[in-house]
N, C-alpha and C. Protein backbone atom coordinates (compact mmCIF):
# COMPACT_ATOMS: atom_id res chain seq x y z
N UNK A 1 83.89 79.16 73.06
CA UNK A 1 84.73 80.06 72.37
C UNK A 1 83.66 81.20 71.91
N UNK A 2 84.29 82.35 72.03
CA UNK A 2 83.46 83.56 71.61
C UNK A 2 83.16 83.43 70.03
N UNK A 3 82.03 83.83 69.59
CA UNK A 3 81.60 83.82 68.26
C UNK A 3 82.50 85.06 67.70
N UNK A 4 83.15 84.65 66.46
CA UNK A 4 84.00 85.75 65.79
C UNK A 4 83.20 85.99 64.51
N UNK A 5 82.98 87.16 64.24
CA UNK A 5 82.33 87.52 63.10
C UNK A 5 83.18 88.35 62.04
N UNK A 6 83.12 87.95 60.81
CA UNK A 6 83.90 88.71 59.88
C UNK A 6 83.37 89.89 59.39
N UNK A 7 83.81 90.50 58.35
CA UNK A 7 83.21 91.81 57.91
C UNK A 7 81.84 91.61 57.43
N UNK A 8 81.54 90.41 56.80
CA UNK A 8 80.07 90.18 56.51
C UNK A 8 79.20 89.76 57.35
N UNK A 9 79.74 89.43 58.63
CA UNK A 9 78.65 89.07 59.71
C UNK A 9 78.84 87.70 60.11
N UNK A 10 79.50 86.85 59.29
CA UNK A 10 79.52 85.46 59.55
C UNK A 10 80.53 85.06 60.68
N UNK A 11 80.19 83.88 61.21
CA UNK A 11 81.01 83.38 62.31
C UNK A 11 82.29 82.69 61.76
N UNK A 12 83.50 83.19 62.07
CA UNK A 12 84.62 82.50 61.64
C UNK A 12 85.08 81.52 62.50
N UNK A 13 85.65 80.30 62.05
CA UNK A 13 86.27 79.30 62.82
C UNK A 13 87.51 78.85 62.22
N UNK A 14 88.39 78.04 62.93
CA UNK A 14 89.67 77.72 62.50
C UNK A 14 89.32 76.36 61.72
N UNK A 15 88.85 75.21 62.29
CA UNK A 15 88.80 73.98 61.84
C UNK A 15 87.49 73.57 61.47
N UNK A 16 86.39 73.85 62.21
CA UNK A 16 85.08 73.23 61.88
C UNK A 16 83.91 74.58 61.82
N UNK A 17 82.95 74.28 61.16
CA UNK A 17 81.68 75.27 61.20
C UNK A 17 81.16 75.30 62.44
N UNK A 18 80.95 74.17 63.20
CA UNK A 18 80.16 74.16 64.47
C UNK A 18 80.94 74.71 65.46
N UNK A 19 80.62 75.75 66.21
CA UNK A 19 81.48 76.45 67.10
C UNK A 19 82.10 75.47 68.33
N UNK A 20 81.19 74.57 68.80
CA UNK A 20 81.76 73.71 69.99
C UNK A 20 82.81 72.65 69.39
N UNK A 21 82.45 72.22 68.26
CA UNK A 21 83.53 71.26 67.72
C UNK A 21 84.88 71.86 67.39
N UNK A 22 84.71 73.29 66.84
CA UNK A 22 85.85 74.02 66.53
C UNK A 22 86.61 74.48 67.84
N UNK A 23 86.02 74.76 68.90
CA UNK A 23 86.51 75.14 70.08
C UNK A 23 87.27 74.08 70.60
N UNK A 24 87.00 72.87 70.74
CA UNK A 24 87.46 71.63 71.32
C UNK A 24 88.71 71.30 70.25
N UNK A 25 88.40 71.18 69.01
CA UNK A 25 89.70 70.86 68.13
C UNK A 25 90.65 72.06 68.13
N UNK A 26 90.38 73.18 68.27
CA UNK A 26 91.33 74.39 68.06
C UNK A 26 92.19 74.25 69.35
N UNK A 27 91.59 74.09 70.53
CA UNK A 27 92.38 74.08 71.73
C UNK A 27 93.27 72.85 71.84
N UNK A 28 92.82 71.64 71.44
CA UNK A 28 93.68 70.58 71.30
C UNK A 28 94.82 70.74 70.43
N UNK A 29 94.48 71.06 69.13
CA UNK A 29 95.47 71.17 68.10
C UNK A 29 96.44 72.28 68.34
N UNK A 30 96.04 73.28 68.74
CA UNK A 30 97.01 74.48 69.04
C UNK A 30 97.82 74.23 70.06
N UNK A 31 97.24 73.53 71.17
CA UNK A 31 98.02 73.15 72.38
C UNK A 31 99.20 72.39 72.05
N UNK A 32 98.77 71.24 71.24
CA UNK A 32 99.80 70.30 70.84
C UNK A 32 100.80 70.85 70.04
N UNK A 33 100.58 71.64 69.04
CA UNK A 33 101.53 72.32 68.11
C UNK A 33 102.47 73.27 68.84
N UNK A 34 101.84 73.97 69.87
CA UNK A 34 102.76 74.98 70.66
C UNK A 34 103.56 74.09 71.62
N UNK A 35 103.10 73.08 72.20
CA UNK A 35 104.07 72.20 73.02
C UNK A 35 105.13 71.67 72.35
N UNK A 36 104.92 71.14 71.10
CA UNK A 36 105.97 70.60 70.20
C UNK A 36 107.07 71.64 69.85
N UNK A 37 106.47 73.00 69.72
CA UNK A 37 107.24 74.10 69.06
C UNK A 37 108.08 74.41 70.44
N UNK A 38 107.71 74.29 71.72
CA UNK A 38 108.57 74.65 72.81
C UNK A 38 109.54 73.39 72.87
N UNK A 39 109.26 72.31 72.56
CA UNK A 39 110.18 71.23 72.75
C UNK A 39 111.31 71.39 71.73
N UNK A 40 110.89 71.67 70.43
CA UNK A 40 111.84 71.97 69.35
C UNK A 40 112.83 73.03 69.91
N UNK A 41 112.25 74.20 70.33
CA UNK A 41 113.03 75.33 70.71
C UNK A 41 114.05 74.85 71.82
N UNK A 42 113.51 74.19 72.87
CA UNK A 42 114.59 73.65 73.91
C UNK A 42 115.55 72.84 73.24
N UNK A 43 115.29 72.00 72.35
CA UNK A 43 116.33 71.13 71.78
C UNK A 43 117.26 71.76 71.10
N UNK A 44 116.82 72.99 70.41
CA UNK A 44 117.80 73.73 69.68
C UNK A 44 118.72 74.66 70.63
N UNK A 45 117.98 75.29 71.57
CA UNK A 45 118.74 76.20 72.49
C UNK A 45 119.49 75.56 73.64
N UNK A 46 118.85 74.32 74.13
CA UNK A 46 119.61 73.52 75.02
C UNK A 46 118.69 73.51 76.36
N UNK A 47 119.30 72.64 77.28
CA UNK A 47 118.49 72.36 78.46
C UNK A 47 118.49 73.53 79.40
N UNK A 48 119.33 74.33 79.34
CA UNK A 48 119.47 75.70 80.26
C UNK A 48 118.21 76.37 80.10
N UNK A 49 117.47 76.30 79.07
CA UNK A 49 116.28 77.10 78.68
C UNK A 49 115.33 77.31 80.06
N UNK A 50 115.11 76.12 80.76
CA UNK A 50 114.21 76.08 81.94
C UNK A 50 114.80 75.87 83.12
N UNK A 51 116.19 76.20 83.15
CA UNK A 51 116.92 75.83 84.37
C UNK A 51 116.75 76.55 85.64
N UNK A 52 116.12 77.73 85.51
CA UNK A 52 116.00 78.70 86.67
C UNK A 52 117.26 78.98 87.41
N UNK A 53 118.34 78.98 86.60
CA UNK A 53 119.61 79.41 87.33
C UNK A 53 119.80 80.76 87.58
N UNK A 54 119.08 81.60 86.86
CA UNK A 54 119.22 83.06 87.24
C UNK A 54 117.73 83.64 87.27
N UNK A 55 117.68 84.95 87.71
CA UNK A 55 116.23 85.46 87.64
C UNK A 55 115.71 85.67 86.25
N UNK A 56 116.60 85.86 85.32
CA UNK A 56 116.31 86.05 83.83
C UNK A 56 115.57 84.75 83.49
N UNK A 57 116.29 83.44 83.84
CA UNK A 57 115.60 82.21 83.39
C UNK A 57 114.25 82.07 83.97
N UNK A 58 114.16 82.46 85.36
CA UNK A 58 112.84 82.41 86.01
C UNK A 58 111.84 83.09 85.35
N UNK A 59 111.96 84.29 84.90
CA UNK A 59 111.16 85.08 84.17
C UNK A 59 110.79 84.40 82.70
N UNK A 60 111.80 83.87 82.12
CA UNK A 60 111.57 83.18 80.89
C UNK A 60 110.63 82.05 81.04
N UNK A 61 110.78 81.25 82.03
CA UNK A 61 109.81 80.22 82.30
C UNK A 61 108.41 80.45 82.57
N UNK A 62 108.22 81.59 83.27
CA UNK A 62 106.90 82.09 83.53
C UNK A 62 106.41 82.66 82.18
N UNK A 63 107.09 83.30 81.36
CA UNK A 63 106.66 83.86 80.12
C UNK A 63 106.20 82.79 79.12
N UNK A 64 106.92 81.92 79.18
CA UNK A 64 106.71 80.65 78.27
C UNK A 64 105.55 79.89 78.57
N UNK A 65 105.12 79.87 79.92
CA UNK A 65 103.96 79.26 80.26
C UNK A 65 102.71 80.22 79.87
N UNK A 66 102.75 81.35 80.04
CA UNK A 66 101.84 82.40 79.60
C UNK A 66 101.67 82.33 78.04
N UNK A 67 102.76 82.39 77.32
CA UNK A 67 102.60 82.16 75.90
C UNK A 67 101.95 80.96 75.42
N UNK A 68 102.35 79.66 76.06
CA UNK A 68 101.69 78.59 75.85
C UNK A 68 100.17 78.36 76.00
N UNK A 69 99.78 79.19 77.04
CA UNK A 69 98.40 79.21 77.31
C UNK A 69 97.69 80.12 76.27
N UNK A 70 98.44 81.12 75.93
CA UNK A 70 97.78 82.07 74.99
C UNK A 70 97.78 81.36 73.55
N UNK A 71 98.70 80.69 73.15
CA UNK A 71 98.77 79.84 72.00
C UNK A 71 97.56 79.04 71.81
N UNK A 72 97.17 78.33 72.97
CA UNK A 72 96.10 77.34 72.81
C UNK A 72 94.72 77.95 72.83
N UNK A 73 94.58 79.32 72.94
CA UNK A 73 93.59 79.92 72.96
C UNK A 73 93.27 80.97 71.81
N UNK A 74 94.31 80.85 70.80
CA UNK A 74 94.36 81.78 69.81
C UNK A 74 92.97 81.54 68.96
N UNK A 75 92.46 82.63 68.43
CA UNK A 75 91.25 82.63 67.74
C UNK A 75 91.40 82.83 66.33
N UNK A 76 92.63 82.94 65.84
CA UNK A 76 92.88 83.19 64.47
C UNK A 76 94.41 82.77 64.22
N UNK A 77 94.77 82.24 63.08
CA UNK A 77 96.10 81.74 62.79
C UNK A 77 97.18 82.92 63.00
N UNK A 78 96.82 84.10 62.64
CA UNK A 78 97.88 85.15 62.76
C UNK A 78 98.26 85.33 64.33
N UNK A 79 97.26 85.14 65.09
CA UNK A 79 97.58 85.30 66.57
C UNK A 79 98.32 84.19 66.95
N UNK A 80 98.13 83.04 66.51
CA UNK A 80 98.86 81.75 66.87
C UNK A 80 100.29 81.81 66.42
N UNK A 81 100.58 82.22 65.15
CA UNK A 81 101.86 82.54 64.62
C UNK A 81 102.71 83.56 65.42
N UNK A 82 101.94 84.52 65.67
CA UNK A 82 102.67 85.64 66.49
C UNK A 82 103.04 85.18 67.81
N UNK A 83 102.20 84.23 68.37
CA UNK A 83 102.63 83.67 69.85
C UNK A 83 103.84 82.72 69.52
N UNK A 84 103.82 82.00 68.53
CA UNK A 84 105.02 81.12 68.33
C UNK A 84 106.35 81.89 67.99
N UNK A 85 106.11 83.07 67.33
CA UNK A 85 107.24 83.90 67.16
C UNK A 85 107.78 84.58 68.33
N UNK A 86 106.83 85.01 69.16
CA UNK A 86 107.33 85.39 70.51
C UNK A 86 107.95 84.55 71.34
N UNK A 87 107.59 83.12 71.23
CA UNK A 87 108.27 82.22 71.99
C UNK A 87 109.80 81.91 71.49
N UNK A 88 109.79 82.15 70.16
CA UNK A 88 111.27 81.87 69.70
C UNK A 88 111.94 83.14 69.91
N UNK A 89 111.47 84.22 70.05
CA UNK A 89 112.12 85.49 70.17
C UNK A 89 112.70 85.50 71.76
N UNK A 90 111.85 85.06 72.75
CA UNK A 90 112.24 84.92 74.05
C UNK A 90 113.46 83.98 74.21
N UNK A 91 113.30 82.69 73.67
CA UNK A 91 114.48 81.70 73.65
C UNK A 91 115.71 82.53 73.06
N UNK A 92 115.57 83.19 72.03
CA UNK A 92 116.70 83.76 71.29
C UNK A 92 117.38 84.86 72.15
N UNK A 93 116.49 85.57 72.95
CA UNK A 93 117.07 86.72 73.87
C UNK A 93 117.67 85.86 74.99
N UNK A 94 117.24 84.99 75.50
CA UNK A 94 117.70 84.25 76.61
C UNK A 94 119.12 83.51 76.15
N UNK A 95 119.20 83.11 75.01
CA UNK A 95 120.41 82.42 74.70
C UNK A 95 121.47 83.51 74.37
N UNK A 96 121.20 84.67 73.83
CA UNK A 96 122.15 85.64 73.72
C UNK A 96 122.54 86.32 74.83
N UNK A 97 121.66 86.64 75.73
CA UNK A 97 121.94 87.09 77.20
C UNK A 97 122.93 86.20 77.85
N UNK A 98 122.72 84.87 77.85
CA UNK A 98 123.51 83.95 78.45
C UNK A 98 124.92 83.95 77.86
N UNK A 99 125.03 84.01 76.67
CA UNK A 99 126.40 84.16 75.97
C UNK A 99 127.03 85.43 76.32
N UNK A 100 126.36 86.54 76.25
CA UNK A 100 127.00 87.94 76.59
C UNK A 100 127.33 87.87 78.03
N UNK A 101 126.68 87.32 78.98
CA UNK A 101 126.95 87.27 80.25
C UNK A 101 128.41 86.46 80.50
N UNK A 102 128.81 85.63 79.78
CA UNK A 102 130.03 85.00 79.76
C UNK A 102 131.30 85.81 79.30
N UNK A 103 130.81 86.77 78.44
CA UNK A 103 131.89 87.67 77.82
C UNK A 103 132.03 89.07 78.64
N UNK A 104 130.93 89.38 79.11
CA UNK A 104 130.95 90.57 79.99
C UNK A 104 130.64 90.53 81.44
N UNK A 105 131.62 90.57 82.35
CA UNK A 105 131.14 90.62 83.85
C UNK A 105 130.33 91.90 84.08
N UNK A 106 130.31 93.02 83.51
CA UNK A 106 129.50 93.95 83.73
C UNK A 106 128.15 93.65 83.39
N UNK A 107 127.78 93.07 82.17
CA UNK A 107 126.30 92.80 81.87
C UNK A 107 126.05 91.73 82.93
N UNK A 108 126.86 90.82 83.23
CA UNK A 108 126.43 89.81 84.20
C UNK A 108 126.03 90.59 85.65
N UNK A 109 126.62 91.49 86.00
CA UNK A 109 126.30 92.22 87.27
C UNK A 109 124.78 92.89 87.06
N UNK A 110 124.55 93.45 85.86
CA UNK A 110 123.30 94.11 85.55
C UNK A 110 122.10 93.12 85.45
N UNK A 111 122.30 91.99 84.87
CA UNK A 111 121.25 91.02 84.61
C UNK A 111 121.03 90.12 85.88
N UNK A 112 122.16 89.84 86.55
CA UNK A 112 122.06 88.83 87.75
C UNK A 112 121.83 89.67 89.11
N UNK A 113 121.02 88.94 89.87
CA UNK A 113 121.04 89.43 91.23
C UNK A 113 122.17 88.83 92.00
N UNK A 114 122.51 89.22 93.20
CA UNK A 114 123.55 88.63 93.99
C UNK A 114 122.83 87.81 95.15
N UNK A 115 123.33 86.61 95.30
CA UNK A 115 122.77 85.61 96.48
C UNK A 115 123.18 86.31 97.87
N UNK A 116 122.28 86.21 98.78
CA UNK A 116 122.42 86.81 100.07
C UNK A 116 122.48 85.79 101.20
N UNK A 117 123.44 85.93 102.02
CA UNK A 117 123.55 85.08 103.23
C UNK A 117 122.46 85.36 104.29
N UNK A 118 121.65 84.53 104.62
CA UNK A 118 120.65 84.80 105.66
C UNK A 118 120.93 84.19 107.03
N UNK A 119 121.97 83.37 107.13
CA UNK A 119 122.29 82.62 108.25
C UNK A 119 123.74 82.03 108.08
N UNK A 120 124.48 82.13 109.14
CA UNK A 120 125.87 81.75 109.02
C UNK A 120 126.30 81.16 110.45
N UNK A 121 126.82 79.96 110.43
CA UNK A 121 127.29 79.25 111.57
C UNK A 121 126.41 79.15 112.66
N UNK A 122 125.05 78.97 112.35
CA UNK A 122 123.93 78.71 113.35
C UNK A 122 123.23 80.00 113.82
N UNK A 123 123.70 81.22 113.30
CA UNK A 123 123.33 82.48 113.64
C UNK A 123 122.44 83.05 112.46
N UNK A 124 121.15 83.53 112.85
CA UNK A 124 120.26 84.10 111.93
C UNK A 124 120.67 85.50 111.83
N UNK A 125 120.95 85.97 110.49
CA UNK A 125 121.36 87.34 110.23
C UNK A 125 120.03 88.17 109.99
N UNK A 126 119.56 88.68 110.96
CA UNK A 126 118.27 89.56 110.97
C UNK A 126 118.18 90.66 109.97
N UNK A 127 119.28 91.34 109.89
CA UNK A 127 119.58 92.42 108.98
C UNK A 127 119.38 91.98 107.52
N UNK A 128 119.89 90.78 107.19
CA UNK A 128 119.82 90.28 105.94
C UNK A 128 118.22 89.82 105.66
N UNK A 129 117.58 89.17 106.63
CA UNK A 129 116.19 88.89 106.55
C UNK A 129 115.39 90.08 106.19
N UNK A 130 115.67 91.16 107.08
CA UNK A 130 114.85 92.39 106.80
C UNK A 130 115.11 92.93 105.41
N UNK A 131 116.39 93.09 105.05
CA UNK A 131 116.61 93.74 103.63
C UNK A 131 116.11 92.97 102.50
N UNK A 132 115.98 91.62 102.64
CA UNK A 132 115.45 90.77 101.69
C UNK A 132 113.94 90.25 101.79
N UNK A 133 113.37 90.87 103.02
CA UNK A 133 111.94 90.71 103.05
C UNK A 133 111.66 89.30 103.19
N UNK A 134 112.58 88.46 103.84
CA UNK A 134 112.24 87.02 104.09
C UNK A 134 111.78 87.00 105.72
N UNK A 135 110.82 86.35 105.99
CA UNK A 135 110.30 86.33 107.40
C UNK A 135 111.08 85.28 108.05
N UNK A 136 111.41 85.44 109.34
CA UNK A 136 112.06 84.25 110.07
C UNK A 136 111.33 83.04 110.05
N UNK A 137 110.03 83.06 110.04
CA UNK A 137 109.12 81.86 109.87
C UNK A 137 109.36 81.04 108.60
N UNK A 138 109.62 81.87 107.50
CA UNK A 138 109.85 81.11 106.25
C UNK A 138 111.23 80.45 106.20
N UNK A 139 112.23 81.23 106.83
CA UNK A 139 113.66 80.73 106.97
C UNK A 139 113.59 79.21 107.79
N UNK A 140 112.79 79.37 108.82
CA UNK A 140 112.67 78.22 109.66
C UNK A 140 111.97 77.02 108.95
N UNK A 141 111.09 77.34 108.08
CA UNK A 141 110.37 76.22 107.33
C UNK A 141 111.39 75.73 106.30
N UNK A 142 112.17 76.41 105.80
CA UNK A 142 113.28 75.94 104.88
C UNK A 142 114.30 75.20 105.52
N UNK A 143 114.69 75.44 106.80
CA UNK A 143 115.64 74.67 107.67
C UNK A 143 114.96 73.46 107.91
N UNK A 144 113.64 73.34 108.22
CA UNK A 144 112.96 71.95 108.42
C UNK A 144 112.96 71.30 107.03
N UNK A 145 112.68 71.82 105.98
CA UNK A 145 112.63 71.10 104.75
C UNK A 145 113.99 70.54 104.42
N UNK A 146 115.00 71.16 104.82
CA UNK A 146 116.38 70.70 104.68
C UNK A 146 116.90 69.76 105.79
N UNK A 147 116.02 69.30 106.53
CA UNK A 147 116.30 68.42 107.72
C UNK A 147 117.38 68.88 108.44
N UNK A 148 117.52 70.19 108.71
CA UNK A 148 118.30 70.68 109.68
C UNK A 148 117.87 70.54 111.09
N UNK A 149 118.52 69.72 111.76
CA UNK A 149 118.07 69.30 113.22
C UNK A 149 118.65 70.14 114.19
N UNK A 150 119.80 70.69 113.97
CA UNK A 150 120.59 71.53 115.04
C UNK A 150 121.07 72.75 114.35
N UNK A 151 120.51 73.90 114.89
CA UNK A 151 120.99 75.10 114.35
C UNK A 151 122.51 75.35 114.36
N UNK A 152 123.20 74.86 115.45
CA UNK A 152 124.57 74.92 115.43
C UNK A 152 125.28 74.28 114.38
N UNK A 153 124.75 73.28 113.75
CA UNK A 153 125.24 72.65 112.48
C UNK A 153 124.85 73.14 111.13
N UNK A 154 124.14 74.23 111.12
CA UNK A 154 123.85 74.89 110.07
C UNK A 154 125.01 75.77 109.67
N UNK A 155 125.67 75.57 108.67
CA UNK A 155 126.76 76.43 108.15
C UNK A 155 126.42 77.72 107.55
N UNK A 156 125.45 77.61 106.80
CA UNK A 156 124.95 78.77 106.00
C UNK A 156 123.59 78.46 105.40
N UNK A 157 122.86 79.57 105.26
CA UNK A 157 121.57 79.69 104.58
C UNK A 157 121.69 80.83 103.66
N UNK A 158 121.40 80.38 102.30
CA UNK A 158 121.65 81.48 101.23
C UNK A 158 120.30 81.66 100.50
N UNK A 159 119.85 82.94 100.21
CA UNK A 159 118.87 83.27 99.44
C UNK A 159 119.41 83.36 98.01
N UNK A 160 119.09 82.45 97.12
CA UNK A 160 119.80 82.30 95.78
C UNK A 160 119.16 83.36 94.83
N UNK A 161 119.83 83.54 93.83
CA UNK A 161 119.37 84.67 92.89
C UNK A 161 117.88 84.23 92.17
N UNK A 162 117.39 83.08 92.39
CA UNK A 162 116.21 82.61 91.75
C UNK A 162 115.10 82.71 92.89
N UNK A 163 115.49 83.09 94.06
CA UNK A 163 114.42 83.12 95.10
C UNK A 163 114.58 81.87 95.89
N UNK A 164 115.09 80.97 95.45
CA UNK A 164 115.22 79.50 96.33
C UNK A 164 116.26 79.87 97.56
N UNK A 165 115.85 78.96 98.48
CA UNK A 165 116.85 79.02 99.56
C UNK A 165 117.52 77.86 99.85
N UNK A 166 118.84 77.91 99.96
CA UNK A 166 119.84 76.82 100.06
C UNK A 166 120.21 76.77 101.49
N UNK A 167 120.22 75.53 101.99
CA UNK A 167 120.57 75.24 103.34
C UNK A 167 121.66 74.36 103.32
N UNK A 168 122.97 74.78 103.96
CA UNK A 168 124.14 74.22 103.92
C UNK A 168 124.51 73.74 105.44
N UNK A 169 124.45 72.46 105.61
CA UNK A 169 124.63 72.05 107.04
C UNK A 169 125.61 70.86 107.03
N UNK A 170 126.29 70.66 108.23
CA UNK A 170 127.10 69.53 108.31
C UNK A 170 128.39 70.01 109.02
N UNK A 171 129.48 69.41 108.82
CA UNK A 171 130.75 69.74 109.59
C UNK A 171 131.50 71.05 109.04
N UNK A 172 131.61 71.18 107.86
CA UNK A 172 132.34 72.33 107.15
C UNK A 172 131.77 72.64 105.91
N UNK A 173 132.04 73.90 105.38
CA UNK A 173 131.62 74.40 104.18
C UNK A 173 132.83 74.83 103.34
N UNK A 174 133.01 74.41 102.01
CA UNK A 174 133.94 74.82 101.21
C UNK A 174 133.69 76.30 101.01
N UNK A 175 134.97 77.08 101.02
CA UNK A 175 134.69 78.49 100.72
C UNK A 175 134.35 78.96 99.21
N UNK A 176 134.40 77.85 98.34
CA UNK A 176 133.96 78.12 97.02
C UNK A 176 132.31 78.36 97.03
N UNK A 177 131.59 77.77 97.90
CA UNK A 177 130.30 77.78 97.99
C UNK A 177 129.65 79.11 98.40
N UNK A 178 130.65 80.02 98.96
CA UNK A 178 130.40 81.40 99.30
C UNK A 178 130.70 82.45 98.18
N UNK A 179 131.20 82.02 97.00
CA UNK A 179 131.78 82.76 95.99
C UNK A 179 130.63 83.60 95.50
N UNK A 180 130.59 85.00 95.46
CA UNK A 180 129.49 85.80 94.96
C UNK A 180 128.38 85.97 95.96
N UNK A 181 128.44 85.50 97.23
CA UNK A 181 127.34 85.77 98.07
C UNK A 181 127.72 86.83 99.01
N UNK A 182 126.75 87.66 98.92
CA UNK A 182 126.62 89.07 99.81
C UNK A 182 126.71 88.68 101.29
N UNK A 183 127.80 89.43 101.88
CA UNK A 183 128.01 89.33 103.35
C UNK A 183 128.45 88.02 103.81
N UNK A 184 129.18 87.12 102.90
CA UNK A 184 129.69 85.88 103.18
C UNK A 184 130.73 86.08 104.25
N UNK A 185 131.51 87.07 104.03
CA UNK A 185 132.72 87.32 105.15
C UNK A 185 132.46 87.85 106.33
N UNK A 186 131.13 88.27 106.60
CA UNK A 186 130.75 88.98 107.89
C UNK A 186 130.00 87.98 108.77
N UNK A 187 130.39 88.04 110.06
CA UNK A 187 129.70 87.23 111.00
C UNK A 187 128.53 87.87 111.57
């Protein structure tokens, strides 16, 4: 831990006078408190907090990880409390945006990306790959991950709003699964 000097030149610590003991204790205690704070916030806001259902959720998850790491490295109580407040604020913003998305289709369009069809009925849609910057090799790797053994049985491959790739294979696909997917009606 870096030495922190007050206005009079003395080294400030959070728990102990000895810097090494303070560094170990501070890291352990602040990490534990921050993790319990996140758990409390998730219990309050709900399981959707880290669902990664939208790109907004994905950003939230990454931001929480960064804030959690920052909390464990706080050098002063004010910085730690500020980090906890930032966590609570992000949860609140996510909660209110998800509520507003239900009420306003227009806001939903602004906040949410559109899933894109990359493959349909065994045919790779190269224009879609190009526009989404997905390499054919990456698509093929996802097909292998999904145990797609015969391309003619792949009904669709969708680049989801979170960046995940869904592979739908089998005999047929219900039209509901194409709801909101860009280019789903084109062959």
